[in-house]
Amino acid sequence: MQRREQILDAAARAYFHTGGGFDIRDVAREAKLGYGTVYHYYPNRHLLIEDVLDSGFERCEQALAEWTASCGGSADDRQLLAYCTALLRLWQSDARAYLVYKMAAEHYAGLPEKDRQAAKRRFMDRLYVPLQSIVRRADDGIDYMFALLVGCCGLRYYAGTSELDVDRIAKLAMQAITKES
């Protein structure tokens, strides 16, 4: 189990280094494992991406469930700010969780059509719509909020920024959703 987790983490990081065009050798290099070891667990890239996204979804769904329980099914701006902060912290520590939202922003481009539709459906059904119903906003504010969070967190993965100003970014995301300046 530990080896599989190591491979999945490396695959998520390899995604950011290669723009999604990684292969098993890239993952082996990133994980500091032999090609044969990675191939033993994942004989093709498709199975690897599937597991990376599945585990990322599980972590994001868990974060949303925990936040939902803490705010009692209805959220004010302070609670939404707390969710933005928690999401950014999760993404900083977990490339797989970030990849779920990063790929959602790109409509899961790069996945085979069948997988793309399933990923979009899972994102909408388990992450987006539940948040929208709790926040009770029918406009596109959540889209802007996620765009800002994903874009800013991308600095960590693409530009090599070691630490993000999570509180500042979360406040900017709140401005996006509330349309304040």
N, C-alpha and C. Protein backbone atom coordinates (compact mmCIF):
# COMPACT_ATOMS: atom_id res chain seq x y z
N MET A 1 0.82 -1.20 0.00
CA MET A 1 0.00 0.00 0.00
C MET A 1 0.87 1.26 0.00
N GLN A 2 1.92 1.27 0.80
CA GLN A 2 2.79 2.44 0.88
C GLN A 2 3.47 2.71 -0.46
N ARG A 3 3.87 1.67 -1.16
CA ARG A 3 4.53 1.83 -2.46
C ARG A 3 3.55 2.42 -3.47
N ARG A 4 2.33 1.95 -3.45
CA ARG A 4 1.30 2.47 -4.36
C ARG A 4 1.07 3.97 -4.10
N GLU A 5 1.00 4.35 -2.83
CA GLU A 5 0.82 5.77 -2.48
C GLU A 5 2.00 6.60 -2.98
N GLN A 6 3.20 6.07 -2.84
CA GLN A 6 4.41 6.75 -3.32
C GLN A 6 4.32 6.98 -4.83
N ILE A 7 3.84 5.97 -5.54
CA ILE A 7 3.72 6.07 -7.00
C ILE A 7 2.64 7.08 -7.38
N LEU A 8 1.52 7.06 -6.69
CA LEU A 8 0.43 8.00 -7.00
C LEU A 8 0.85 9.44 -6.74
N ASP A 9 1.55 9.67 -5.63
CA ASP A 9 2.06 11.02 -5.35
C ASP A 9 3.03 11.47 -6.44
N ALA A 10 3.91 10.58 -6.83
CA ALA A 10 4.90 10.90 -7.88
C ALA A 10 4.20 11.17 -9.21
N ALA A 11 3.15 10.42 -9.51
CA ALA A 11 2.43 10.63 -10.77
C ALA A 11 1.77 12.00 -10.80
N ALA A 12 1.20 12.41 -9.67
CA ALA A 12 0.58 13.74 -9.62
C ALA A 12 1.63 14.83 -9.81
N ARG A 13 2.78 14.67 -9.18
CA ARG A 13 3.86 15.66 -9.37
C ARG A 13 4.38 15.64 -10.80
N ALA A 14 4.51 14.44 -11.38
CA ALA A 14 4.98 14.32 -12.76
C ALA A 14 4.02 15.01 -13.72
N TYR A 15 2.74 14.97 -13.41
CA TYR A 15 1.75 15.65 -14.23
C TYR A 15 2.11 17.13 -14.37
N PHE A 16 2.48 17.75 -13.27
CA PHE A 16 2.79 19.18 -13.30
C PHE A 16 4.11 19.47 -14.00
N HIS A 17 5.06 18.55 -13.91
CA HIS A 17 6.35 18.75 -14.58
C HIS A 17 6.26 18.58 -16.08
N THR A 18 5.32 17.77 -16.53
CA THR A 18 5.24 17.43 -17.96
C THR A 18 4.00 17.98 -18.64
N GLY A 19 3.15 18.66 -17.89
CA GLY A 19 1.91 19.16 -18.48
C GLY A 19 0.92 18.06 -18.78
N GLY A 20 1.04 16.96 -18.09
CA GLY A 20 0.12 15.86 -18.28
C GLY A 20 0.59 14.83 -19.29
N GLY A 21 1.70 15.11 -19.95
CA GLY A 21 2.20 14.18 -20.96
C GLY A 21 3.22 13.20 -20.42
N PHE A 22 3.09 12.83 -19.16
CA PHE A 22 4.08 11.94 -18.56
C PHE A 22 3.86 10.49 -18.97
N ASP A 23 4.89 9.69 -18.80
CA ASP A 23 4.76 8.26 -19.00
C ASP A 23 5.26 7.55 -17.74
N ILE A 24 5.24 6.24 -17.76
CA ILE A 24 5.63 5.45 -16.59
C ILE A 24 7.07 5.74 -16.18
N ARG A 25 7.94 5.97 -17.15
CA ARG A 25 9.35 6.29 -16.82
C ARG A 25 9.46 7.61 -16.05
N ASP A 26 8.67 8.61 -16.43
CA ASP A 26 8.69 9.88 -15.71
C ASP A 26 8.26 9.69 -14.25
N VAL A 27 7.25 8.86 -14.06
CA VAL A 27 6.76 8.59 -12.71
C VAL A 27 7.81 7.84 -11.90
N ALA A 28 8.45 6.86 -12.52
CA ALA A 28 9.51 6.11 -11.84
C ALA A 28 10.63 7.05 -11.41
N ARG A 29 11.01 7.94 -12.29
CA ARG A 29 12.07 8.91 -11.98
C ARG A 29 11.65 9.82 -10.83
N GLU A 30 10.44 10.32 -10.88
CA GLU A 30 9.93 11.22 -9.84
C GLU A 30 9.83 10.50 -8.49
N ALA A 31 9.45 9.22 -8.52
CA ALA A 31 9.30 8.43 -7.29
C ALA A 31 10.63 7.86 -6.81
N LYS A 32 11.67 7.99 -7.64
CA LYS A 32 12.98 7.41 -7.35
C LYS A 32 12.87 5.89 -7.18
N LEU A 33 12.12 5.31 -8.12
CA LEU A 33 11.93 3.86 -8.17
C LEU A 33 12.34 3.37 -9.55
N GLY A 34 12.52 2.08 -9.66
CA GLY A 34 12.81 1.50 -10.96
C GLY A 34 11.56 1.46 -11.82
N TYR A 35 11.78 1.50 -13.13
CA TYR A 35 10.67 1.44 -14.07
C TYR A 35 9.83 0.19 -13.83
N GLY A 36 10.50 -0.94 -13.62
CA GLY A 36 9.79 -2.21 -13.41
C GLY A 36 8.90 -2.20 -12.19
N THR A 37 9.33 -1.52 -11.16
CA THR A 37 8.51 -1.43 -9.94
C THR A 37 7.22 -0.68 -10.21
N VAL A 38 7.32 0.46 -10.87
CA VAL A 38 6.12 1.24 -11.19
C VAL A 38 5.25 0.46 -12.16
N TYR A 39 5.87 -0.16 -13.15
CA TYR A 39 5.13 -0.94 -14.15
C TYR A 39 4.38 -2.10 -13.50
N HIS A 40 4.97 -2.68 -12.46
CA HIS A 40 4.33 -3.79 -11.74
C HIS A 40 2.97 -3.35 -11.18
N TYR A 41 2.92 -2.14 -10.63
CA TYR A 41 1.67 -1.62 -10.07
C TYR A 41 0.75 -1.03 -11.13
N TYR A 42 1.36 -0.38 -12.12
CA TYR A 42 0.59 0.32 -13.15
C TYR A 42 1.20 0.05 -14.52
N PRO A 43 0.67 -0.94 -15.23
CA PRO A 43 1.24 -1.28 -16.54
C PRO A 43 0.97 -0.24 -17.63
N ASN A 44 0.08 0.72 -17.35
CA ASN A 44 -0.12 1.79 -18.33
C ASN A 44 -0.52 3.10 -17.64
N ARG A 45 -0.32 4.16 -18.35
CA ARG A 45 -0.57 5.51 -17.87
C ARG A 45 -2.05 5.73 -17.52
N HIS A 46 -2.92 5.13 -18.30
CA HIS A 46 -4.35 5.30 -18.11
C HIS A 46 -4.79 4.82 -16.72
N LEU A 47 -4.35 3.64 -16.32
CA LEU A 47 -4.70 3.11 -14.99
C LEU A 47 -4.14 3.99 -13.88
N LEU A 48 -2.96 4.51 -14.12
CA LEU A 48 -2.31 5.37 -13.14
C LEU A 48 -3.09 6.67 -12.94
N ILE A 49 -3.43 7.33 -14.02
CA ILE A 49 -4.21 8.58 -13.93
C ILE A 49 -5.56 8.32 -13.26
N GLU A 50 -6.17 7.20 -13.60
CA GLU A 50 -7.47 6.85 -13.01
C GLU A 50 -7.36 6.77 -11.48
N ASP A 51 -6.32 6.10 -10.98
CA ASP A 51 -6.14 5.98 -9.54
C ASP A 51 -5.72 7.30 -8.89
N VAL A 52 -4.91 8.09 -9.59
CA VAL A 52 -4.53 9.40 -9.06
C VAL A 52 -5.78 10.25 -8.85
N LEU A 53 -6.63 10.31 -9.86
CA LEU A 53 -7.86 11.11 -9.74
C LEU A 53 -8.81 10.54 -8.70
N ASP A 54 -8.95 9.22 -8.67
CA ASP A 54 -9.87 8.60 -7.72
C ASP A 54 -9.46 8.93 -6.28
N SER A 55 -8.18 8.79 -5.99
CA SER A 55 -7.74 9.10 -4.62
C SER A 55 -7.83 10.60 -4.35
N GLY A 56 -7.57 11.43 -5.35
CA GLY A 56 -7.73 12.87 -5.18
C GLY A 56 -9.18 13.25 -4.91
N PHE A 57 -10.09 12.64 -5.65
CA PHE A 57 -11.51 12.89 -5.42
C PHE A 57 -11.90 12.50 -3.99
N GLU A 58 -11.44 11.34 -3.54
CA GLU A 58 -11.78 10.89 -2.19
C GLU A 58 -11.34 11.92 -1.14
N ARG A 59 -10.15 12.47 -1.31
CA ARG A 59 -9.64 13.44 -0.35
C ARG A 59 -10.42 14.75 -0.41
N CYS A 60 -10.78 15.18 -1.60
CA CYS A 60 -11.56 16.41 -1.75
C CYS A 60 -12.97 16.23 -1.20
N GLU A 61 -13.57 15.08 -1.47
CA GLU A 61 -14.90 14.80 -0.96
C GLU A 61 -14.90 14.75 0.57
N GLN A 62 -13.86 14.18 1.14
CA GLN A 62 -13.74 14.13 2.59
C GLN A 62 -13.62 15.54 3.17
N ALA A 63 -12.81 16.38 2.54
CA ALA A 63 -12.65 17.77 3.01
C ALA A 63 -13.97 18.52 2.96
N LEU A 64 -14.73 18.33 1.88
CA LEU A 64 -16.03 19.00 1.77
C LEU A 64 -17.00 18.47 2.83
N ALA A 65 -17.00 17.15 3.04
CA ALA A 65 -17.89 16.56 4.05
C ALA A 65 -17.57 17.08 5.45
N GLU A 66 -16.29 17.19 5.77
CA GLU A 66 -15.89 17.70 7.08
C GLU A 66 -16.33 19.16 7.25
N TRP A 67 -16.12 19.95 6.21
CA TRP A 67 -16.52 21.36 6.28
C TRP A 67 -18.04 21.48 6.38
N THR A 68 -18.77 20.68 5.60
CA THR A 68 -20.23 20.71 5.62
C THR A 68 -20.74 20.38 7.02
N ALA A 69 -20.15 19.37 7.65
CA ALA A 69 -20.55 18.99 9.01
C ALA A 69 -20.28 20.12 10.00
N SER A 70 -19.18 20.83 9.79
CA SER A 70 -18.83 21.91 10.72
C SER A 70 -19.73 23.14 10.58
N CYS A 71 -20.30 23.32 9.40
CA CYS A 71 -21.14 24.52 9.22
C CYS A 71 -22.63 24.18 9.23
N GLY A 72 -22.97 22.92 9.45
CA GLY A 72 -24.36 22.56 9.64
C GLY A 72 -25.24 22.66 8.41
N GLY A 73 -24.67 22.54 7.22
CA GLY A 73 -25.46 22.54 6.00
C GLY A 73 -25.82 23.89 5.44
N SER A 74 -25.38 24.95 6.10
CA SER A 74 -25.61 26.31 5.61
C SER A 74 -24.39 27.14 5.97
N ALA A 75 -23.89 27.90 5.02
CA ALA A 75 -22.62 28.60 5.25
C ALA A 75 -22.75 30.11 5.07
N ASP A 76 -22.15 30.83 5.98
CA ASP A 76 -22.03 32.27 5.80
C ASP A 76 -20.64 32.55 5.20
N ASP A 77 -20.34 33.80 4.96
CA ASP A 77 -19.07 34.15 4.31
C ASP A 77 -17.85 33.74 5.15
N ARG A 78 -17.95 33.83 6.45
CA ARG A 78 -16.84 33.44 7.32
C ARG A 78 -16.56 31.95 7.18
N GLN A 79 -17.61 31.14 7.12
CA GLN A 79 -17.43 29.70 6.97
C GLN A 79 -16.90 29.35 5.58
N LEU A 80 -17.35 30.07 4.58
CA LEU A 80 -16.84 29.84 3.23
C LEU A 80 -15.37 30.21 3.14
N LEU A 81 -14.98 31.27 3.80
CA LEU A 81 -13.57 31.65 3.86
C LEU A 81 -12.76 30.52 4.50
N ALA A 82 -13.29 29.93 5.55
CA ALA A 82 -12.61 28.80 6.21
C ALA A 82 -12.47 27.62 5.24
N TYR A 83 -13.49 27.39 4.41
CA TYR A 83 -13.41 26.30 3.43
C TYR A 83 -12.33 26.60 2.38
N CYS A 84 -12.29 27.82 1.89
CA CYS A 84 -11.26 28.20 0.91
C CYS A 84 -9.87 27.98 1.50
N THR A 85 -9.69 28.37 2.74
CA THR A 85 -8.40 28.20 3.41
C THR A 85 -8.07 26.72 3.56
N ALA A 86 -9.04 25.93 3.98
CA ALA A 86 -8.82 24.49 4.15
C ALA A 86 -8.50 23.82 2.81
N LEU A 87 -9.19 24.23 1.76
CA LEU A 87 -8.95 23.66 0.44
C LEU A 87 -7.54 23.98 -0.04
N LEU A 88 -7.11 25.22 0.13
CA LEU A 88 -5.75 25.60 -0.26
C LEU A 88 -4.70 24.82 0.53
N ARG A 89 -4.94 24.64 1.80
CA ARG A 89 -3.98 23.87 2.62
C ARG A 89 -3.93 22.42 2.17
N LEU A 90 -5.09 21.86 1.85
CA LEU A 90 -5.12 20.49 1.34
C LEU A 90 -4.34 20.41 0.04
N TRP A 91 -4.60 21.32 -0.88
CA TRP A 91 -3.91 21.31 -2.17
C TRP A 91 -2.41 21.49 -2.03
N GLN A 92 -1.98 22.32 -1.08
CA GLN A 92 -0.55 22.53 -0.89
C GLN A 92 0.14 21.24 -0.47
N SER A 93 -0.55 20.43 0.30
CA SER A 93 0.06 19.21 0.82
C SER A 93 -0.25 17.98 -0.02
N ASP A 94 -1.18 18.10 -0.95
CA ASP A 94 -1.64 16.92 -1.68
C ASP A 94 -1.87 17.25 -3.16
N ALA A 95 -0.90 16.91 -3.98
CA ALA A 95 -0.99 17.20 -5.41
C ALA A 95 -2.16 16.49 -6.07
N ARG A 96 -2.52 15.32 -5.57
CA ARG A 96 -3.65 14.58 -6.16
C ARG A 96 -4.95 15.35 -5.97
N ALA A 97 -5.15 15.90 -4.78
CA ALA A 97 -6.37 16.67 -4.52
C ALA A 97 -6.40 17.92 -5.40
N TYR A 98 -5.27 18.58 -5.52
CA TYR A 98 -5.21 19.78 -6.37
C TYR A 98 -5.50 19.41 -7.83
N LEU A 99 -4.98 18.28 -8.26
CA LEU A 99 -5.16 17.86 -9.65
C LEU A 99 -6.63 17.70 -10.02
N VAL A 100 -7.45 17.26 -9.08
CA VAL A 100 -8.89 17.12 -9.32
C VAL A 100 -9.49 18.46 -9.77
N TYR A 101 -9.17 19.52 -9.05
CA TYR A 101 -9.71 20.85 -9.36
C TYR A 101 -9.01 21.47 -10.57
N LYS A 102 -7.72 21.24 -10.69
CA LYS A 102 -6.96 21.76 -11.84
C LYS A 102 -7.53 21.18 -13.13
N MET A 103 -7.73 19.87 -13.13
CA MET A 103 -8.27 19.23 -14.33
C MET A 103 -9.73 19.62 -14.55
N ALA A 104 -10.48 19.84 -13.48
CA ALA A 104 -11.88 20.29 -13.63
C ALA A 104 -11.92 21.63 -14.34
N ALA A 105 -10.99 22.51 -13.99
CA ALA A 105 -10.92 23.83 -14.63
C ALA A 105 -10.65 23.70 -16.12
N GLU A 106 -10.04 22.59 -16.51
CA GLU A 106 -9.72 22.32 -17.92
C GLU A 106 -10.69 21.31 -18.52
N HIS A 107 -11.79 21.06 -17.83
CA HIS A 107 -12.82 20.10 -18.27
C HIS A 107 -12.24 18.71 -18.50
N TYR A 108 -11.25 18.35 -17.71
CA TYR A 108 -10.62 17.04 -17.76
C TYR A 108 -10.10 16.69 -19.15
N ALA A 109 -9.61 17.72 -19.85
CA ALA A 109 -9.00 17.51 -21.17
C ALA A 109 -7.81 16.58 -21.00
N GLY A 110 -7.58 15.77 -21.98
CA GLY A 110 -6.48 14.82 -21.93
C GLY A 110 -6.91 13.44 -21.49
N LEU A 111 -8.09 13.35 -20.89
CA LEU A 111 -8.62 12.03 -20.53
C LEU A 111 -9.41 11.49 -21.71
N PRO A 112 -9.49 10.16 -21.83
CA PRO A 112 -10.38 9.59 -22.85
C PRO A 112 -11.81 10.06 -22.60
N GLU A 113 -12.59 10.18 -23.64
CA GLU A 113 -13.94 10.74 -23.55
C GLU A 113 -14.79 10.11 -22.45
N LYS A 114 -14.78 8.79 -22.36
CA LYS A 114 -15.57 8.09 -21.34
C LYS A 114 -15.14 8.52 -19.93
N ASP A 115 -13.84 8.58 -19.71
CA ASP A 115 -13.32 8.98 -18.40
C ASP A 115 -13.55 10.46 -18.14
N ARG A 116 -13.46 11.26 -19.18
CA ARG A 116 -13.68 12.70 -19.04
C ARG A 116 -15.11 12.96 -18.56
N GLN A 117 -16.07 12.31 -19.16
CA GLN A 117 -17.46 12.51 -18.77
C GLN A 117 -17.70 12.03 -17.34
N ALA A 118 -17.12 10.89 -16.98
CA ALA A 118 -17.28 10.36 -15.62
C ALA A 118 -16.65 11.30 -14.59
N ALA A 119 -15.48 11.84 -14.90
CA ALA A 119 -14.80 12.76 -13.97
C ALA A 119 -15.60 14.05 -13.82
N LYS A 120 -16.09 14.58 -14.93
CA LYS A 120 -16.91 15.80 -14.86
C LYS A 120 -18.16 15.57 -14.01
N ARG A 121 -18.80 14.43 -14.22
CA ARG A 121 -20.01 14.11 -13.47
C ARG A 121 -19.70 13.99 -11.97
N ARG A 122 -18.60 13.29 -11.66
CA ARG A 122 -18.23 13.12 -10.25
C ARG A 122 -17.92 14.47 -9.62
N PHE A 123 -17.19 15.32 -10.34
CA PHE A 123 -16.86 16.64 -9.81
C PHE A 123 -18.13 17.44 -9.54
N MET A 124 -19.02 17.47 -10.50
CA MET A 124 -20.26 18.24 -10.34
C MET A 124 -21.12 17.67 -9.22
N ASP A 125 -21.33 16.35 -9.23
CA ASP A 125 -22.23 15.72 -8.27
C ASP A 125 -21.71 15.71 -6.84
N ARG A 126 -20.41 15.55 -6.67
CA ARG A 126 -19.89 15.35 -5.32
C ARG A 126 -19.13 16.54 -4.74
N LEU A 127 -18.75 17.49 -5.60
CA LEU A 127 -17.98 18.63 -5.09
C LEU A 127 -18.64 19.97 -5.40
N TYR A 128 -18.98 20.20 -6.66
CA TYR A 128 -19.47 21.51 -7.07
C TYR A 128 -20.91 21.77 -6.60
N VAL A 129 -21.84 20.92 -6.99
CA VAL A 129 -23.25 21.14 -6.66
C VAL A 129 -23.49 21.13 -5.14
N PRO A 130 -22.88 20.20 -4.39
CA PRO A 130 -23.08 20.27 -2.94
C PRO A 130 -22.59 21.59 -2.34
N LEU A 131 -21.45 22.08 -2.80
CA LEU A 131 -20.95 23.36 -2.30
C LEU A 131 -21.91 24.49 -2.69
N GLN A 132 -22.34 24.47 -3.93
CA GLN A 132 -23.25 25.51 -4.41
C GLN A 132 -24.54 25.53 -3.60
N SER A 133 -25.06 24.36 -3.26
CA SER A 133 -26.31 24.31 -2.50
C SER A 133 -26.12 24.78 -1.06
N ILE A 134 -24.95 24.55 -0.50
CA ILE A 134 -24.67 25.01 0.87
C ILE A 134 -24.47 26.52 0.89
N VAL A 135 -23.73 27.01 -0.10
CA VAL A 135 -23.42 28.44 -0.17
C VAL A 135 -24.64 29.23 -0.65
N ARG A 136 -25.51 28.55 -1.38
CA ARG A 136 -26.76 29.14 -1.88
C ARG A 136 -26.51 30.33 -2.79
N ARG A 137 -25.71 30.07 -3.79
CA ARG A 137 -25.45 31.09 -4.81
C ARG A 137 -25.74 30.47 -6.17
N ALA A 138 -26.61 31.08 -6.89
CA ALA A 138 -26.99 30.56 -8.20
C ALA A 138 -26.16 31.18 -9.32
N ASP A 139 -25.39 32.21 -9.00
CA ASP A 139 -24.61 32.88 -10.05
C ASP A 139 -23.28 32.14 -10.28
N ASP A 140 -22.39 32.77 -11.01
CA ASP A 140 -21.12 32.14 -11.35
C ASP A 140 -20.00 32.44 -10.35
N GLY A 141 -20.35 32.94 -9.18
CA GLY A 141 -19.36 33.29 -8.17
C GLY A 141 -18.47 32.13 -7.76
N ILE A 142 -19.05 30.94 -7.64
CA ILE A 142 -18.24 29.77 -7.26
C ILE A 142 -17.22 29.46 -8.35
N ASP A 143 -17.60 29.65 -9.61
CA ASP A 143 -16.66 29.43 -10.71
C ASP A 143 -15.45 30.35 -10.57
N TYR A 144 -15.72 31.62 -10.28
CA TYR A 144 -14.63 32.58 -10.11
C TYR A 144 -13.78 32.24 -8.88
N MET A 145 -14.45 31.83 -7.82
CA MET A 145 -13.73 31.45 -6.61
C MET A 145 -12.77 30.30 -6.90
N PHE A 146 -13.28 29.24 -7.56
CA PHE A 146 -12.42 28.10 -7.87
C PHE A 146 -11.32 28.49 -8.85
N ALA A 147 -11.63 29.32 -9.83
CA ALA A 147 -10.61 29.75 -10.79
C ALA A 147 -9.47 30.46 -10.08
N LEU A 148 -9.81 31.33 -9.15
CA LEU A 148 -8.78 32.05 -8.41
C LEU A 148 -7.97 31.09 -7.53
N LEU A 149 -8.64 30.20 -6.82
CA LEU A 149 -7.93 29.26 -5.96
C LEU A 149 -7.01 28.35 -6.77
N VAL A 150 -7.53 27.80 -7.87
CA VAL A 150 -6.73 26.90 -8.71
C VAL A 150 -5.54 27.64 -9.31
N GLY A 151 -5.79 28.84 -9.83
CA GLY A 151 -4.71 29.60 -10.44
C GLY A 151 -3.61 29.96 -9.46
N CYS A 152 -3.99 30.42 -8.29
CA CYS A 152 -2.98 30.79 -7.29
C CYS A 152 -2.23 29.58 -6.77
N CYS A 153 -2.93 28.49 -6.56
CA CYS A 153 -2.24 27.29 -6.07
C CYS A 153 -1.32 26.72 -7.14
N GLY A 154 -1.64 26.98 -8.40
CA GLY A 154 -0.77 26.53 -9.48
C GLY A 154 0.62 27.11 -9.39
N LEU A 155 0.76 28.27 -8.74
CA LEU A 155 2.09 28.86 -8.54
C LEU A 155 3.00 27.88 -7.80
N ARG A 156 2.43 27.16 -6.87
CA ARG A 156 3.21 26.19 -6.09
C ARG A 156 3.72 25.07 -6.98
N TYR A 157 2.87 24.59 -7.85
CA TYR A 157 3.23 23.42 -8.65
C TYR A 157 3.98 23.76 -9.94
N TYR A 158 3.64 24.88 -10.55
CA TYR A 158 4.27 25.21 -11.83
C TYR A 158 5.44 26.18 -11.71
N ALA A 159 5.36 27.11 -10.77
CA ALA A 159 6.43 28.10 -10.64
C ALA A 159 7.40 27.75 -9.51
N GLY A 160 7.10 26.70 -8.78
CA GLY A 160 7.99 26.28 -7.71
C GLY A 160 7.93 27.14 -6.46
N THR A 161 6.88 27.92 -6.32
CA THR A 161 6.71 28.72 -5.11
C THR A 161 6.52 27.77 -3.94
N SER A 162 7.37 27.88 -2.94
CA SER A 162 7.32 26.90 -1.85
C SER A 162 6.10 27.07 -0.95
N GLU A 163 5.81 28.27 -0.56
CA GLU A 163 4.67 28.50 0.32
C GLU A 163 3.77 29.58 -0.28
N LEU A 164 2.50 29.37 -0.15
CA LEU A 164 1.53 30.35 -0.62
C LEU A 164 1.00 31.13 0.58
N ASP A 165 0.58 32.34 0.33
CA ASP A 165 -0.08 33.14 1.36
C ASP A 165 -1.55 32.71 1.35
N VAL A 166 -1.82 31.62 2.03
CA VAL A 166 -3.13 30.98 2.01
C VAL A 166 -4.23 31.93 2.45
N ASP A 167 -4.00 32.66 3.51
CA ASP A 167 -5.04 33.57 4.02
C ASP A 167 -5.36 34.67 3.00
N ARG A 168 -4.34 35.22 2.39
CA ARG A 168 -4.55 36.28 1.39
C ARG A 168 -5.30 35.73 0.17
N ILE A 169 -4.90 34.57 -0.29
CA ILE A 169 -5.56 33.96 -1.46
C ILE A 169 -7.02 33.65 -1.14
N ALA A 170 -7.28 33.11 0.04
CA ALA A 170 -8.66 32.80 0.44
C ALA A 170 -9.51 34.07 0.47
N LYS A 171 -8.95 35.16 0.96
CA LYS A 171 -9.69 36.43 0.99
C LYS A 171 -9.96 36.93 -0.42
N LEU A 172 -9.00 36.77 -1.32
CA LEU A 172 -9.22 37.15 -2.72
C LEU A 172 -10.33 36.30 -3.34
N ALA A 173 -10.34 35.01 -3.00
CA ALA A 173 -11.39 34.12 -3.51
C ALA A 173 -12.76 34.56 -3.01
N MET A 174 -12.81 35.00 -1.79
CA MET A 174 -14.08 35.50 -1.24
C MET A 174 -14.53 36.75 -1.98
N GLN A 175 -13.59 37.60 -2.35
CA GLN A 175 -13.95 38.78 -3.13
C GLN A 175 -14.52 38.37 -4.48
N ALA A 176 -13.99 37.29 -5.03
CA ALA A 176 -14.49 36.81 -6.32
C ALA A 176 -15.93 36.32 -6.21
N ILE A 177 -16.24 35.66 -5.12
CA ILE A 177 -17.58 35.10 -4.98
C ILE A 177 -18.59 36.16 -4.53
N THR A 178 -18.15 37.11 -3.73
CA THR A 178 -19.07 38.13 -3.24
C THR A 178 -19.08 39.38 -4.11
N LYS A 179 -18.19 39.41 -5.10
CA LYS A 179 -18.07 40.53 -6.05
C LYS A 179 -17.73 41.84 -5.35
N GLU A 180 -16.93 41.71 -4.30
CA GLU A 180 -16.45 42.91 -3.60
C GLU A 180 -15.08 43.26 -4.15
N SER A 181 -14.70 44.52 -4.00
CA SER A 181 -13.36 44.92 -4.44
C SER A 181 -12.50 45.27 -3.26
